[in-house]
């Protein structure tokens, strides 16, 4: 194998390694974003459930409009 072939093989190998590293990093970022979205949705669902529960006794069940 001549030096040009070795250089081409090395360049292709480095390009493949760089590409794999970038893909791995992009997958990690996407997973973090998905986890953040899931956490946001879970928090929203918890807030929705807490607002849909019955109010504490004496609060918000009747409004006095006789005055």
C-alpha atoms as a PDB file:
ATOM      1  CA  UNK A   1       0.000   0.000   0.000  1.00  0.00           C
ATOM      2  CA  UNK A   2       1.398   3.381  -0.918  1.00  0.00           C
ATOM      3  CA  UNK A   3       1.394   6.497   1.225  1.00  0.00           C
ATOM      4  CA  UNK A   4      -1.590   8.035  -0.614  1.00  0.00           C
ATOM      5  CA  UNK A   5      -3.704   4.978   0.127  1.00  0.00           C
ATOM      6  CA  UNK A   6      -2.682   5.055   3.773  1.00  0.00           C
ATOM      7  CA  UNK A   7      -3.513   8.753   3.997  1.00  0.00           C
ATOM      8  CA  UNK A   8      -6.908   8.216   2.348  1.00  0.00           C
ATOM      9  CA  UNK A   9      -7.704   5.332   4.696  1.00  0.00           C
ATOM     10  CA  UNK A  10      -6.692   7.410   7.709  1.00  0.00           C
ATOM     11  CA  UNK A  11      -8.806  10.358   6.544  1.00  0.00           C
ATOM     12  CA  UNK A  12     -11.831   8.118   5.959  1.00  0.00           C
ATOM     13  CA  UNK A  13     -11.399   6.495   9.361  1.00  0.00           C
ATOM     14  CA  UNK A  14     -11.153   9.860  11.111  1.00  0.00           C
ATOM     15  CA  UNK A  15     -14.216  11.129   9.233  1.00  0.00           C
ATOM     16  CA  UNK A  16     -16.207   8.058  10.274  1.00  0.00           C
ATOM     17  CA  UNK A  17     -15.153   8.450  13.909  1.00  0.00           C
ATOM     18  CA  UNK A  18     -16.066  12.127  13.883  1.00  0.00           C
ATOM     19  CA  UNK A  19     -19.420  11.348  12.310  1.00  0.00           C
ATOM     20  CA  UNK A  20     -20.177   8.696  14.924  1.00  0.00           C
ATOM     21  CA  UNK A  21     -19.195  11.041  17.747  1.00  0.00           C
ATOM     22  CA  UNK A  22     -21.460  13.777  16.380  1.00  0.00           C
ATOM     23  CA  UNK A  23     -24.371  11.369  15.973  1.00  0.00           C
ATOM     24  CA  UNK A  24     -23.892  10.126  19.525  1.00  0.00           C
ATOM     25  CA  UNK A  25     -23.839  13.674  20.890  1.00  0.00           C
ATOM     26  CA  UNK A  26     -26.952  14.632  18.908  1.00  0.00           C
ATOM     27  CA  UNK A  27     -28.785  11.567  20.257  1.00  0.00           C
ATOM     28  CA  UNK A  28     -27.820  12.540  23.808  1.00  0.00           C
ATOM     29  CA  UNK A  29     -29.106  16.082  23.275  1.00  0.00           C
ATOM     30  CA  UNK A  30     -32.355  14.781  21.776  1.00  0.00           C
ATOM     31  CA  UNK A  31     -32.817  12.412  24.721  1.00  0.00           C
ATOM     32  CA  UNK A  32     -32.272  15.278  27.180  1.00  0.00           C
ATOM     33  CA  UNK A  33     -34.823  17.406  25.344  1.00  0.00           C
ATOM     34  CA  UNK A  34     -37.322  14.550  25.371  1.00  0.00           C
ATOM     35  CA  UNK A  35     -36.753  14.020  29.096  1.00  0.00           C
ATOM     36  CA  UNK A  36     -37.317  17.725  29.699  1.00  0.00           C
ATOM     37  CA  UNK A  37     -40.545  17.632  27.711  1.00  0.00           C
ATOM     38  CA  UNK A  38     -41.765  14.588  29.637  1.00  0.00           C
ATOM     39  CA  UNK A  39     -40.990  16.324  32.932  1.00  0.00           C
ATOM     40  CA  UNK A  40     -42.864  19.419  31.774  1.00  0.00           C
ATOM     41  CA  UNK A  41     -45.884  17.356  30.745  1.00  0.00           C
ATOM     42  CA  UNK A  42     -45.864  15.457  34.040  1.00  0.00           C
ATOM     43  CA  UNK A  43     -45.722  18.708  35.984  1.00  0.00           C
ATOM     44  CA  UNK A  44     -48.596  20.096  33.945  1.00  0.00           C
ATOM     45  CA  UNK A  45     -50.651  16.963  34.551  1.00  0.00           C
ATOM     46  CA  UNK A  46     -49.963  17.164  38.279  1.00  0.00           C
ATOM     47  CA  UNK A  47     -50.992  20.832  38.335  1.00  0.00           C
ATOM     48  CA  UNK A  48     -54.149  20.015  36.403  1.00  0.00           C
ATOM     49  CA  UNK A  49     -55.054  17.269  38.851  1.00  0.00           C
ATOM     50  CA  UNK A  50     -54.491  19.555  41.815  1.00  0.00           C
ATOM     51  CA  UNK A  51     -56.763  22.229  40.331  1.00  0.00           C
ATOM     52  CA  UNK A  52     -59.484  19.692  39.582  1.00  0.00           C
ATOM     53  CA  UNK A  53     -59.663  18.343  43.122  1.00  0.00           C
ATOM     54  CA  UNK A  54     -62.371  19.621  45.433  1.00  0.00           C
ATOM     55  CA  UNK A  55     -61.522  22.816  47.297  1.00  0.00           C
ATOM     56  CA  UNK A  56     -60.914  22.815  51.013  1.00  0.00           C
ATOM     57  CA  UNK A  57     -64.034  22.994  53.204  1.00  0.00           C
ATOM     58  CA  UNK A  58     -65.483  26.486  53.224  1.00  0.00           C
ATOM     59  CA  UNK A  59     -63.618  27.641  50.132  1.00  0.00           C
ATOM     60  CA  UNK A  60     -65.047  28.210  46.677  1.00  0.00           C
ATOM     61  CA  UNK A  61     -68.158  26.064  46.792  1.00  0.00           C
ATOM     62  CA  UNK A  62     -70.741  28.854  47.024  1.00  0.00           C
ATOM     63  CA  UNK A  63     -70.787  32.549  46.218  1.00  0.00           C
ATOM     64  CA  UNK A  64     -72.941  34.931  48.287  1.00  0.00           C
ATOM     65  CA  UNK A  65     -74.493  37.452  45.880  1.00  0.00           C
ATOM     66  CA  UNK A  66     -77.269  38.686  48.190  1.00  0.00           C
ATOM     67  CA  UNK A  67     -75.439  41.888  49.184  1.00  0.00           C
END
